[in-house]
Amino acid sequence: MSANIIQITGENWQNEVLDSKIPVLVDFWAEWCGPCRAIAPILEELAGETTDKLKIVKVNVDNNHQIAGDFGIRSIPTLLLFKDGVVQQQMVGAMNKAALKNKLASYLV
């Protein structure tokens, strides 16, 4: 796991996601999920490229049922983009880096 990606728990959710001064991309994932493993290296690359513009965090749905349930996560990987503590965009399923960057472009200013 990249040093630029933060593991989220119930204890740090508020501080790392809802109170963040920059947009936050939340990756809802599980270890047993193949598409989750496929998108992980892309998220790690992106985290290294956007450290001052975008925070990337991961929520393991097996360990954080409450957070996943609060946002109605039914399929993984699901990526939620938060800005000022509010969900701005939801992306379900794995995608390539170019597609992900395109979806995030307007938030990376």
Protein backbone atom coordinates (compact mmCIF):
# COMPACT_ATOMS: atom_id res chain seq x y z
CA MET A 1 0.00 0.00 0.00
CA SER A 2 1.23 3.46 -0.89
CA ALA A 3 2.30 5.84 1.84
CA ASN A 4 0.04 8.39 0.12
CA ILE A 5 -3.14 6.34 0.70
CA ILE A 6 -4.80 6.40 4.11
CA GLN A 7 -6.69 3.45 5.58
CA ILE A 8 -10.01 4.64 6.97
CA THR A 9 -11.73 3.40 10.09
CA GLY A 10 -14.67 4.70 12.06
CA GLU A 11 -12.20 6.63 14.21
CA ASN A 12 -10.56 8.68 11.45
CA TRP A 13 -13.47 9.00 8.96
CA GLN A 14 -14.59 12.44 10.17
CA ASN A 15 -11.10 13.96 10.21
CA GLU A 16 -9.70 12.41 7.02
CA VAL A 17 -12.80 12.60 4.79
CA LEU A 18 -15.54 14.90 6.03
CA ASP A 19 -13.26 17.61 7.46
CA SER A 20 -10.63 17.49 4.67
CA LYS A 21 -9.64 20.82 3.12
CA ILE A 22 -9.02 19.15 -0.26
CA PRO A 23 -11.24 16.74 -2.22
CA VAL A 24 -11.12 13.11 -1.05
CA LEU A 25 -11.51 10.02 -3.23
CA VAL A 26 -12.80 7.15 -1.08
CA ASP A 27 -12.20 3.63 -2.39
CA PHE A 28 -14.64 1.10 -0.90
CA TRP A 29 -12.94 -2.28 -1.38
CA ALA A 30 -12.29 -5.76 0.04
CA GLU A 31 -9.27 -8.07 -0.09
CA TRP A 32 -11.22 -10.81 -1.90
CA CYS A 33 -12.39 -8.45 -4.69
CA GLY A 34 -10.52 -8.94 -7.97
CA PRO A 35 -11.54 -5.62 -9.57
CA CYS A 36 -10.54 -3.88 -6.31
CA ARG A 37 -7.06 -5.36 -6.60
CA ALA A 38 -6.94 -4.33 -10.26
CA ILE A 39 -7.66 -0.66 -9.54
CA ALA A 40 -5.34 -0.45 -6.49
CA PRO A 41 -2.11 0.26 -8.47
CA ILE A 42 -3.92 2.99 -10.42
CA LEU A 43 -5.04 4.64 -7.19
CA GLU A 44 -1.51 4.39 -5.80
CA GLU A 45 -0.08 6.11 -8.90
CA LEU A 46 -2.74 8.80 -8.74
CA ALA A 47 -2.12 9.36 -5.03
CA GLY A 48 1.54 10.01 -5.74
CA GLU A 49 0.72 12.48 -8.51
CA THR A 50 -1.97 14.49 -6.71
CA THR A 51 -0.82 14.73 -3.09
CA ASP A 52 -1.58 18.46 -2.77
CA LYS A 53 -4.84 18.42 -4.78
CA LEU A 54 -6.58 15.15 -3.87
CA LYS A 55 -6.50 12.81 -0.91
CA ILE A 56 -7.09 9.12 -1.64
CA VAL A 57 -8.33 6.87 1.13
CA LYS A 58 -9.48 3.25 1.33
CA VAL A 59 -12.37 1.78 3.30
CA ASN A 60 -12.30 -2.01 3.70
CA VAL A 61 -16.02 -2.89 3.59
CA ASP A 62 -15.45 -6.11 5.55
CA ASN A 63 -14.02 -4.15 8.48
CA ASN A 64 -16.18 -1.02 8.22
CA HIS A 65 -19.78 -2.14 7.71
CA GLN A 66 -21.18 1.04 9.23
CA ILE A 67 -19.44 3.43 6.83
CA ALA A 68 -20.26 1.29 3.79
CA GLY A 69 -23.89 1.01 4.93
CA ASP A 70 -24.19 4.74 5.52
CA PHE A 71 -23.44 5.35 1.84
CA GLY A 72 -25.43 2.41 0.44
CA ILE A 73 -22.38 0.63 -0.96
CA ARG A 74 -23.75 -2.48 -2.69
CA SER A 75 -20.99 -3.21 -5.20
CA ILE A 76 -17.23 -2.88 -4.99
CA PRO A 77 -15.06 -1.25 -5.97
CA THR A 78 -17.09 1.91 -5.47
CA LEU A 79 -15.31 5.24 -5.48
CA LEU A 80 -16.95 8.26 -3.87
CA LEU A 81 -15.52 11.72 -4.37
CA PHE A 82 -16.08 14.05 -1.42
CA LYS A 83 -15.61 17.80 -1.44
CA ASP A 84 -16.32 19.84 1.69
CA GLY A 85 -17.72 16.69 3.32
CA VAL A 86 -20.34 16.11 0.61
CA VAL A 87 -20.41 13.35 -2.03
CA GLN A 88 -19.87 14.96 -5.43
CA GLN A 89 -19.54 11.87 -7.61
CA GLN A 90 -19.90 8.09 -7.43
CA MET A 91 -18.07 5.63 -9.66
CA VAL A 92 -18.75 1.89 -9.53
CA GLY A 93 -16.40 -0.72 -10.93
CA ALA A 94 -12.78 -0.74 -12.00
CA MET A 95 -11.59 1.70 -14.66
CA ASN A 96 -8.33 2.65 -16.27
CA LYS A 97 -6.22 5.58 -15.11
CA ALA A 98 -7.18 7.85 -18.02
CA ALA A 99 -10.89 7.37 -17.40
CA LEU A 100 -10.49 7.99 -13.67
CA LYS A 101 -8.40 11.13 -14.20
CA ASN A 102 -11.00 12.39 -16.66
CA LYS A 103 -13.79 11.96 -14.10
CA LEU A 104 -11.73 13.75 -11.44
CA ALA A 105 -10.31 16.54 -13.65
CA SER A 106 -12.71 19.29 -12.60
CA TYR A 107 -11.85 18.67 -8.92
CA LEU A 108 -8.06 18.70 -9.35
CA VAL A 109 -7.56 22.46 -9.59
